[in-house]
Amino acid sequence: MDELNFINNSNDANNSQIVIFQQNVSDTDELEAPVSLHLVSVKTGSSASVPVAAAGKFHVAIITPEITVVDGIMRIEEISTPAVLMKAGQTASISGDSDSGYEISVEG
């Protein structure tokens, strides 16, 4: 197993919540709805890693704290950044804040 790595360099007092999801492709090569795989809270000035399959391609985005769970399904009310593509072994750095907006940059 490899990892997706996150570093929170934001200026925000709130912990950034990052959702990791995968856009699945069906047998007919048509895109299906994205499937949320994991939710990560990363404190400002710290880092976190999430184990993932090496061959996977994942999208990550910062979300607002409004998350509801109904019948075991997580519903995200708002995505605060455009989703960015990540692969195993890469590192996403978070910058900005809730007032000026967040940005995610990926390296590796």
N, C-alpha and C. Protein backbone atom coordinates (compact mmCIF):
# COMPACT_ATOMS: atom_id res chain seq x y z
N MET A 1 0.84 -1.19 0.00
CA MET A 1 0.00 0.00 0.00
C MET A 1 0.87 1.24 0.00
N ASP A 2 0.45 2.23 -0.77
CA ASP A 2 1.09 3.53 -0.79
C ASP A 2 0.23 4.51 0.00
N GLU A 3 0.62 5.77 0.00
CA GLU A 3 -0.11 6.77 0.76
C GLU A 3 -0.37 8.04 -0.04
N LEU A 4 -1.45 8.73 0.32
CA LEU A 4 -1.68 10.11 -0.08
C LEU A 4 -1.24 10.95 1.11
N ASN A 5 -0.45 11.98 0.88
CA ASN A 5 0.10 12.79 1.96
C ASN A 5 -0.46 14.20 1.90
N PHE A 6 -0.71 14.80 3.06
CA PHE A 6 -1.31 16.13 3.14
C PHE A 6 -0.52 16.99 4.13
N ILE A 7 -0.31 18.25 3.77
CA ILE A 7 0.33 19.23 4.64
C ILE A 7 -0.57 20.45 4.70
N ASN A 8 -0.91 20.89 5.91
CA ASN A 8 -1.78 22.05 6.06
C ASN A 8 -0.94 23.28 6.37
N ASN A 9 -0.71 24.11 5.35
CA ASN A 9 0.01 25.37 5.49
C ASN A 9 -0.96 26.55 5.47
N SER A 10 -2.23 26.31 5.75
CA SER A 10 -3.22 27.38 5.68
C SER A 10 -3.08 28.34 6.85
N ASN A 11 -3.72 29.48 6.73
CA ASN A 11 -3.74 30.49 7.79
C ASN A 11 -5.01 30.40 8.62
N ASP A 12 -5.75 29.34 8.47
CA ASP A 12 -7.05 29.21 9.09
C ASP A 12 -6.95 28.61 10.48
N ALA A 13 -7.73 29.13 11.41
CA ALA A 13 -7.76 28.59 12.77
C ALA A 13 -8.51 27.26 12.83
N ASN A 14 -9.38 27.02 11.85
CA ASN A 14 -10.13 25.76 11.80
C ASN A 14 -9.26 24.66 11.22
N ASN A 15 -9.50 23.44 11.64
CA ASN A 15 -8.83 22.32 11.00
C ASN A 15 -9.42 22.14 9.62
N SER A 16 -8.56 21.98 8.62
CA SER A 16 -9.06 21.75 7.27
C SER A 16 -9.53 20.31 7.16
N GLN A 17 -10.72 20.12 6.63
CA GLN A 17 -11.23 18.78 6.40
C GLN A 17 -11.11 18.49 4.92
N ILE A 18 -10.46 17.40 4.62
CA ILE A 18 -10.18 17.01 3.24
C ILE A 18 -10.97 15.75 2.94
N VAL A 19 -11.71 15.77 1.85
CA VAL A 19 -12.41 14.57 1.43
C VAL A 19 -11.63 13.96 0.27
N ILE A 20 -11.46 12.65 0.32
CA ILE A 20 -10.80 11.91 -0.76
C ILE A 20 -11.89 11.10 -1.44
N PHE A 21 -12.01 11.28 -2.75
CA PHE A 21 -13.01 10.50 -3.47
C PHE A 21 -12.46 10.03 -4.79
N GLN A 22 -13.12 9.05 -5.34
CA GLN A 22 -12.67 8.44 -6.59
C GLN A 22 -13.81 8.51 -7.58
N GLN A 23 -13.50 8.97 -8.79
CA GLN A 23 -14.49 9.00 -9.86
C GLN A 23 -14.40 7.67 -10.57
N ASN A 24 -15.38 6.83 -10.35
CA ASN A 24 -15.36 5.49 -10.93
C ASN A 24 -15.79 5.52 -12.39
N VAL A 25 -15.27 4.60 -13.15
CA VAL A 25 -15.67 4.41 -14.54
C VAL A 25 -16.29 3.02 -14.63
N SER A 26 -17.50 2.95 -15.15
CA SER A 26 -18.20 1.66 -15.25
C SER A 26 -17.67 0.86 -16.44
N ASP A 27 -18.20 -0.34 -16.61
CA ASP A 27 -17.81 -1.20 -17.72
C ASP A 27 -18.11 -0.57 -19.08
N THR A 28 -19.01 0.40 -19.10
CA THR A 28 -19.37 1.05 -20.36
C THR A 28 -18.54 2.31 -20.59
N ASP A 29 -17.52 2.55 -19.74
CA ASP A 29 -16.65 3.72 -19.81
C ASP A 29 -17.37 5.04 -19.57
N GLU A 30 -18.55 5.00 -18.96
CA GLU A 30 -19.25 6.22 -18.61
C GLU A 30 -18.92 6.57 -17.16
N LEU A 31 -18.72 7.85 -16.90
CA LEU A 31 -18.42 8.27 -15.54
C LEU A 31 -19.64 8.09 -14.65
N GLU A 32 -19.39 7.56 -13.47
CA GLU A 32 -20.43 7.42 -12.47
C GLU A 32 -20.24 8.50 -11.42
N ALA A 33 -21.18 8.62 -10.50
CA ALA A 33 -21.06 9.60 -9.42
C ALA A 33 -19.82 9.31 -8.58
N PRO A 34 -19.13 10.35 -8.10
CA PRO A 34 -17.93 10.11 -7.29
C PRO A 34 -18.28 9.41 -5.98
N VAL A 35 -17.37 8.58 -5.51
CA VAL A 35 -17.57 7.82 -4.29
C VAL A 35 -16.58 8.33 -3.25
N SER A 36 -17.10 8.82 -2.13
CA SER A 36 -16.23 9.29 -1.06
C SER A 36 -15.57 8.11 -0.38
N LEU A 37 -14.26 8.20 -0.21
CA LEU A 37 -13.51 7.11 0.38
C LEU A 37 -13.05 7.39 1.80
N HIS A 38 -12.74 8.65 2.09
CA HIS A 38 -12.13 8.96 3.37
C HIS A 38 -12.27 10.45 3.67
N LEU A 39 -12.38 10.77 4.93
CA LEU A 39 -12.40 12.16 5.38
C LEU A 39 -11.24 12.34 6.35
N VAL A 40 -10.40 13.35 6.10
CA VAL A 40 -9.21 13.58 6.89
C VAL A 40 -9.28 14.99 7.47
N SER A 41 -9.05 15.14 8.78
CA SER A 41 -8.90 16.46 9.40
C SER A 41 -7.42 16.69 9.64
N VAL A 42 -6.91 17.82 9.13
CA VAL A 42 -5.49 18.14 9.25
C VAL A 42 -5.36 19.49 9.94
N LYS A 43 -4.78 19.50 11.14
CA LYS A 43 -4.60 20.75 11.88
C LYS A 43 -3.61 21.65 11.16
N THR A 44 -3.80 22.96 11.31
CA THR A 44 -2.88 23.93 10.72
C THR A 44 -1.46 23.67 11.22
N GLY A 45 -0.50 23.63 10.29
CA GLY A 45 0.89 23.39 10.64
C GLY A 45 1.26 21.93 10.80
N SER A 46 0.33 21.02 10.52
CA SER A 46 0.63 19.59 10.67
C SER A 46 0.42 18.85 9.35
N SER A 47 0.66 17.55 9.38
CA SER A 47 0.51 16.73 8.18
C SER A 47 -0.22 15.45 8.53
N ALA A 48 -0.68 14.75 7.51
CA ALA A 48 -1.37 13.48 7.68
C ALA A 48 -1.16 12.64 6.43
N SER A 49 -1.28 11.33 6.58
CA SER A 49 -1.18 10.41 5.44
C SER A 49 -2.33 9.41 5.50
N VAL A 50 -2.77 8.98 4.32
CA VAL A 50 -3.85 8.00 4.21
C VAL A 50 -3.38 6.88 3.30
N PRO A 51 -3.42 5.62 3.77
CA PRO A 51 -3.01 4.51 2.90
C PRO A 51 -4.02 4.29 1.77
N VAL A 52 -3.51 4.08 0.56
CA VAL A 52 -4.36 3.84 -0.61
C VAL A 52 -3.70 2.79 -1.51
N ALA A 53 -4.47 2.23 -2.41
CA ALA A 53 -3.93 1.29 -3.40
C ALA A 53 -3.02 2.05 -4.36
N ALA A 54 -1.89 1.46 -4.70
CA ALA A 54 -0.89 2.14 -5.52
C ALA A 54 -1.40 2.53 -6.90
N ALA A 55 -2.28 1.75 -7.49
CA ALA A 55 -2.73 1.99 -8.86
C ALA A 55 -3.87 3.00 -8.95
N GLY A 56 -4.43 3.42 -7.81
CA GLY A 56 -5.60 4.29 -7.83
C GLY A 56 -5.29 5.72 -8.19
N LYS A 57 -6.28 6.40 -8.76
CA LYS A 57 -6.24 7.84 -8.99
C LYS A 57 -7.37 8.42 -8.15
N PHE A 58 -7.06 9.45 -7.41
CA PHE A 58 -8.01 10.00 -6.46
C PHE A 58 -8.16 11.49 -6.67
N HIS A 59 -9.31 12.01 -6.29
CA HIS A 59 -9.55 13.44 -6.30
C HIS A 59 -9.68 13.87 -4.84
N VAL A 60 -9.11 15.03 -4.51
CA VAL A 60 -9.21 15.54 -3.15
C VAL A 60 -9.72 16.97 -3.20
N ALA A 61 -10.47 17.35 -2.17
CA ALA A 61 -11.00 18.71 -2.07
C ALA A 61 -11.17 19.05 -0.60
N ILE A 62 -11.15 20.34 -0.28
CA ILE A 62 -11.43 20.81 1.07
C ILE A 62 -12.93 21.06 1.14
N ILE A 63 -13.51 20.68 2.27
CA ILE A 63 -14.96 20.82 2.43
C ILE A 63 -15.28 21.68 3.64
N THR A 64 -16.49 22.20 3.67
CA THR A 64 -16.96 22.93 4.83
C THR A 64 -17.32 21.91 5.92
N PRO A 65 -17.43 22.38 7.15
CA PRO A 65 -17.72 21.42 8.24
C PRO A 65 -19.10 20.79 8.20
N GLU A 66 -20.00 21.25 7.35
CA GLU A 66 -21.36 20.70 7.34
C GLU A 66 -21.40 19.35 6.63
N ILE A 67 -21.28 18.31 7.41
CA ILE A 67 -21.33 16.94 6.88
C ILE A 67 -22.43 16.21 7.63
N THR A 68 -23.29 15.54 6.90
CA THR A 68 -24.33 14.74 7.54
C THR A 68 -24.14 13.29 7.12
N VAL A 69 -24.53 12.39 8.00
CA VAL A 69 -24.47 10.96 7.70
C VAL A 69 -25.87 10.40 7.87
N VAL A 70 -26.41 9.81 6.81
CA VAL A 70 -27.73 9.20 6.83
C VAL A 70 -27.61 7.77 6.33
N ASP A 71 -28.03 6.83 7.14
CA ASP A 71 -27.96 5.41 6.79
C ASP A 71 -26.55 5.00 6.37
N GLY A 72 -25.54 5.55 7.06
CA GLY A 72 -24.15 5.19 6.78
C GLY A 72 -23.55 5.87 5.56
N ILE A 73 -24.29 6.79 4.94
CA ILE A 73 -23.80 7.50 3.76
C ILE A 73 -23.46 8.93 4.14
N MET A 74 -22.20 9.34 3.87
CA MET A 74 -21.75 10.68 4.20
C MET A 74 -22.20 11.63 3.09
N ARG A 75 -22.85 12.72 3.49
CA ARG A 75 -23.28 13.74 2.54
C ARG A 75 -22.49 15.02 2.81
N ILE A 76 -21.80 15.50 1.80
CA ILE A 76 -21.00 16.70 1.92
C ILE A 76 -21.83 17.86 1.40
N GLU A 77 -22.02 18.87 2.23
CA GLU A 77 -22.89 19.99 1.86
C GLU A 77 -22.24 20.95 0.88
N GLU A 78 -20.92 21.16 1.01
CA GLU A 78 -20.26 22.14 0.14
C GLU A 78 -18.78 21.80 0.01
N ILE A 79 -18.26 21.87 -1.21
CA ILE A 79 -16.83 21.70 -1.44
C ILE A 79 -16.24 23.10 -1.57
N SER A 80 -15.21 23.39 -0.76
CA SER A 80 -14.63 24.74 -0.70
C SER A 80 -13.55 25.00 -1.73
N THR A 81 -13.04 23.96 -2.37
CA THR A 81 -12.01 24.12 -3.40
C THR A 81 -12.37 23.23 -4.58
N PRO A 82 -11.88 23.56 -5.76
CA PRO A 82 -12.01 22.61 -6.86
C PRO A 82 -11.24 21.34 -6.51
N ALA A 83 -11.76 20.21 -6.91
CA ALA A 83 -11.08 18.94 -6.64
C ALA A 83 -9.83 18.84 -7.52
N VAL A 84 -8.76 18.30 -6.95
CA VAL A 84 -7.52 18.10 -7.69
C VAL A 84 -7.21 16.61 -7.74
N LEU A 85 -6.56 16.20 -8.81
CA LEU A 85 -6.20 14.80 -9.00
C LEU A 85 -4.92 14.48 -8.25
N MET A 86 -4.91 13.35 -7.54
CA MET A 86 -3.73 12.87 -6.83
C MET A 86 -3.53 11.40 -7.12
N LYS A 87 -2.27 10.98 -7.06
CA LYS A 87 -1.92 9.57 -7.15
C LYS A 87 -1.16 9.19 -5.89
N ALA A 88 -1.10 7.90 -5.62
CA ALA A 88 -0.37 7.41 -4.45
C ALA A 88 1.06 7.93 -4.48
N GLY A 89 1.57 8.31 -3.31
CA GLY A 89 2.93 8.81 -3.18
C GLY A 89 3.06 10.31 -3.35
N GLN A 90 2.00 10.99 -3.77
CA GLN A 90 2.05 12.44 -3.93
C GLN A 90 1.67 13.15 -2.63
N THR A 91 2.03 14.44 -2.55
CA THR A 91 1.73 15.26 -1.38
C THR A 91 0.91 16.47 -1.81
N ALA A 92 -0.20 16.70 -1.12
CA ALA A 92 -1.04 17.87 -1.36
C ALA A 92 -0.79 18.88 -0.25
N SER A 93 -0.47 20.12 -0.61
CA SER A 93 -0.27 21.20 0.35
C SER A 93 -1.47 22.13 0.29
N ILE A 94 -1.99 22.47 1.47
CA ILE A 94 -3.16 23.34 1.59
C ILE A 94 -2.68 24.72 2.01
N SER A 95 -3.17 25.76 1.34
CA SER A 95 -2.83 27.13 1.72
C SER A 95 -4.10 27.98 1.68
N GLY A 96 -4.00 29.21 2.19
CA GLY A 96 -5.14 30.11 2.20
C GLY A 96 -5.92 30.02 3.50
N ASP A 97 -7.15 30.53 3.46
CA ASP A 97 -8.04 30.46 4.62
C ASP A 97 -9.49 30.58 4.15
N SER A 98 -10.41 30.49 5.12
CA SER A 98 -11.82 30.51 4.75
C SER A 98 -12.27 31.86 4.20
N ASP A 99 -11.58 32.94 4.57
CA ASP A 99 -11.96 34.27 4.07
C ASP A 99 -11.48 34.52 2.65
N SER A 100 -10.21 34.21 2.38
CA SER A 100 -9.64 34.48 1.05
C SER A 100 -9.77 33.30 0.10
N GLY A 101 -10.09 32.14 0.64
CA GLY A 101 -10.22 30.94 -0.17
C GLY A 101 -9.03 30.02 0.02
N TYR A 102 -9.27 28.74 -0.16
CA TYR A 102 -8.23 27.73 -0.02
C TYR A 102 -7.66 27.37 -1.38
N GLU A 103 -6.48 26.82 -1.36
CA GLU A 103 -5.86 26.29 -2.58
C GLU A 103 -5.15 24.99 -2.23
N ILE A 104 -5.24 24.02 -3.10
CA ILE A 104 -4.53 22.76 -2.94
C ILE A 104 -3.54 22.63 -4.09
N SER A 105 -2.27 22.42 -3.76
CA SER A 105 -1.27 22.16 -4.80
C SER A 105 -0.68 20.77 -4.54
N VAL A 106 -0.42 20.04 -5.62
CA VAL A 106 0.06 18.65 -5.53
C VAL A 106 1.47 18.55 -6.09
N GLU A 107 2.33 17.86 -5.35
CA GLU A 107 3.71 17.63 -5.76
C GLU A 107 4.02 16.14 -5.69
N GLY A 108 5.02 15.77 -6.49
CA GLY A 108 5.52 14.39 -6.41
C GLY A 108 5.09 13.50 -7.48
